[in-house]
């Protein structure tokens, strides 16, 4: 049996990891290559506002422009001052389509600290006091297989 020798990562791989771990900027262009927009790690306030407009607007045709604008601004003061004008600039003046805005939304999705974000959303959803009260049998059925360990792995339970 042949044992493979472990090699050190290349300098390019180290730079890529450094960009991922640091608050690196991903430059995304729309339509023309002249204008590029920076996309950074998503801040909690931006994700909160994004969630709010998704729940409020639903499948409105303006949703992609609003979301792309939030992803680009990604700062409390920038959103407060420029967001109403910025998304309207995208929607009414530039008239970007969903296909054209896809690169910005995809880049924003990559910049969400996913593991802890999803774990927090899951736990907070279960703590809401507005969910319907279940019967004991329904609760046991829904909780089977949903116990979580601190490292994020799912462990099946056999309650009942």
Protein backbone atom coordinates (compact mmCIF):
# COMPACT_ATOMS: atom_id res chain seq x y z
CA UNK A 1 0.00 0.00 0.00
CA UNK A 2 1.40 3.35 -1.07
CA UNK A 3 1.21 6.26 1.36
CA UNK A 4 0.84 9.69 -0.20
CA UNK A 5 3.11 12.43 1.08
CA UNK A 6 1.25 15.50 2.35
CA UNK A 7 2.41 18.65 0.62
CA UNK A 8 2.18 22.22 1.81
CA UNK A 9 -0.48 24.34 0.08
CA UNK A 10 0.62 26.63 -2.71
CA UNK A 11 0.92 30.38 -2.23
CA UNK A 12 -2.21 30.90 -4.34
CA UNK A 13 -4.17 28.53 -2.08
CA UNK A 14 -2.93 30.40 1.00
CA UNK A 15 -3.98 33.74 -0.52
CA UNK A 16 -7.43 32.33 -1.30
CA UNK A 17 -7.83 31.08 2.29
CA UNK A 18 -6.66 34.44 3.62
CA UNK A 19 -9.28 36.20 1.45
CA UNK A 20 -11.97 33.86 2.76
CA UNK A 21 -11.01 34.28 6.42
CA UNK A 22 -10.45 38.02 6.20
CA UNK A 23 -12.97 40.64 5.21
CA UNK A 24 -11.91 40.51 1.59
CA UNK A 25 -13.78 42.38 -1.08
CA UNK A 26 -15.24 40.55 -4.05
CA UNK A 27 -15.69 42.90 -6.97
CA UNK A 28 -18.77 42.16 -9.10
CA UNK A 29 -19.63 43.89 -12.35
CA UNK A 30 -23.04 44.43 -13.92
CA UNK A 31 -23.60 44.74 -17.67
CA UNK A 32 -20.40 46.60 -18.43
CA UNK A 33 -17.00 45.75 -17.07
CA UNK A 34 -16.33 49.43 -16.24
CA UNK A 35 -18.41 49.71 -13.06
CA UNK A 36 -17.70 47.12 -10.38
CA UNK A 37 -19.45 46.86 -7.04
CA UNK A 38 -17.72 45.64 -3.87
CA UNK A 39 -19.32 42.82 -1.88
CA UNK A 40 -18.05 42.23 1.67
CA UNK A 41 -19.07 39.93 4.53
CA UNK A 42 -22.72 40.51 5.30
CA UNK A 43 -23.37 42.42 8.50
CA UNK A 44 -26.19 41.34 10.83
CA UNK A 45 -28.14 44.57 10.24
CA UNK A 46 -27.99 44.02 6.49
CA UNK A 47 -29.23 40.43 6.83
CA UNK A 48 -32.03 41.66 9.11
CA UNK A 49 -33.13 44.30 6.56
CA UNK A 50 -32.84 41.75 3.75
CA UNK A 51 -35.09 39.34 5.66
CA UNK A 52 -37.57 42.16 6.30
CA UNK A 53 -37.92 43.12 2.62
CA UNK A 54 -38.18 39.47 1.53
CA UNK A 55 -41.05 38.90 3.97
CA UNK A 56 -42.69 42.22 3.11
CA UNK A 57 -42.37 42.16 -0.68
CA UNK A 58 -42.73 38.43 -1.38
CA UNK A 59 -42.20 37.86 -5.11
CA UNK A 60 -42.36 41.49 -6.19
CA UNK A 61 -40.37 42.38 -9.30
CA UNK A 62 -38.47 45.01 -7.31
CA UNK A 63 -37.11 42.47 -4.83
CA UNK A 64 -33.90 41.69 -6.74
CA UNK A 65 -33.01 45.38 -7.06
CA UNK A 66 -33.72 45.99 -3.39
CA UNK A 67 -31.67 42.96 -2.33
CA UNK A 68 -28.73 43.82 -4.58
CA UNK A 69 -28.73 47.36 -3.25
CA UNK A 70 -28.61 46.12 0.36
CA UNK A 71 -25.78 43.71 -0.44
CA UNK A 72 -23.72 46.47 -2.04
CA UNK A 73 -24.34 49.08 0.67
CA UNK A 74 -23.97 46.63 3.64
CA UNK A 75 -23.55 49.33 6.30
CA UNK A 76 -26.05 50.86 8.72
CA UNK A 77 -25.44 54.47 7.70
CA UNK A 78 -25.16 53.75 3.99
CA UNK A 79 -28.45 51.86 4.11
CA UNK A 80 -30.15 54.63 6.13
CA UNK A 81 -28.94 57.39 3.79
CA UNK A 82 -28.70 55.87 0.32
CA UNK A 83 -30.82 52.69 0.18
CA UNK A 84 -34.13 54.34 -0.94
CA UNK A 85 -32.37 56.10 -3.81
CA UNK A 86 -29.95 53.28 -4.65
CA UNK A 87 -32.50 50.52 -5.25
CA UNK A 88 -34.70 52.89 -7.26
CA UNK A 89 -31.68 53.81 -9.37
CA UNK A 90 -31.21 50.10 -10.12
CA UNK A 91 -34.91 49.48 -10.80
CA UNK A 92 -36.18 52.58 -12.59
CA UNK A 93 -33.10 54.18 -14.18
CA UNK A 94 -30.75 51.28 -14.95
CA UNK A 95 -33.61 48.76 -15.25
CA UNK A 96 -31.51 45.76 -14.23
CA UNK A 97 -33.14 42.38 -14.74
CA UNK A 98 -32.99 39.45 -12.34
CA UNK A 99 -30.39 37.77 -14.57
CA UNK A 100 -28.14 40.81 -14.44
CA UNK A 101 -28.39 41.11 -10.64
CA UNK A 102 -27.72 37.41 -10.03
CA UNK A 103 -23.90 37.83 -9.66
CA UNK A 104 -24.30 40.35 -6.83
CA UNK A 105 -26.88 38.24 -4.99
CA UNK A 106 -24.73 35.10 -5.42
CA UNK A 107 -21.65 36.95 -4.12
CA UNK A 108 -23.69 38.21 -1.14
CA UNK A 109 -24.82 34.66 -0.39
CA UNK A 110 -21.19 33.53 -0.27
CA UNK A 111 -20.43 36.30 2.22
CA UNK A 112 -22.89 35.10 4.88
CA UNK A 113 -21.28 33.25 7.80
CA UNK A 114 -23.56 30.31 7.10
CA UNK A 115 -22.96 27.64 9.76
CA UNK A 116 -23.54 29.80 12.84
CA UNK A 117 -26.21 31.89 11.10
CA UNK A 118 -28.32 28.84 10.23
CA UNK A 119 -27.86 27.35 13.69
CA UNK A 120 -28.94 30.62 15.33
CA UNK A 121 -31.98 31.00 13.05
CA UNK A 122 -33.03 27.41 13.77
CA UNK A 123 -32.75 27.88 17.52
CA UNK A 124 -34.48 31.26 17.49
CA UNK A 125 -37.33 29.91 15.35
CA UNK A 126 -37.99 27.22 17.94
CA UNK A 127 -38.06 29.87 20.71
CA UNK A 128 -40.80 31.98 19.10
CA UNK A 129 -43.89 32.35 21.20
CA UNK A 130 -46.15 32.75 18.18
CA UNK A 131 -45.93 29.21 16.87
CA UNK A 132 -48.95 27.01 17.38
CA UNK A 133 -49.02 24.85 20.47
CA UNK A 134 -48.75 21.19 19.52
CA UNK A 135 -50.17 18.12 21.13
CA UNK A 136 -47.68 15.89 22.90
CA UNK A 137 -47.71 13.34 20.05
CA UNK A 138 -47.04 16.02 17.42
CA UNK A 139 -44.19 17.49 19.44
CA UNK A 140 -42.53 14.10 19.89
CA UNK A 141 -42.84 13.35 16.18
CA UNK A 142 -41.41 16.72 15.11
CA UNK A 143 -38.53 16.60 17.60
CA UNK A 144 -37.30 13.15 16.56
CA UNK A 145 -34.06 13.58 14.68
CA UNK A 146 -33.78 17.29 15.45
CA UNK A 147 -31.55 17.27 18.51
CA UNK A 148 -28.38 19.19 17.80
CA UNK A 149 -24.94 18.93 19.27
CA UNK A 150 -22.72 22.00 19.76
CA UNK A 151 -20.59 21.13 16.69
CA UNK A 152 -23.64 21.28 14.41
CA UNK A 153 -24.02 17.54 13.79
CA UNK A 154 -27.52 16.12 13.99
CA UNK A 155 -28.15 13.23 16.33
CA UNK A 156 -31.28 11.12 16.02
CA UNK A 157 -33.31 10.62 19.17
CA UNK A 158 -35.71 7.88 20.07
CA UNK A 159 -38.13 9.68 22.37
CA UNK A 160 -41.41 7.94 23.01
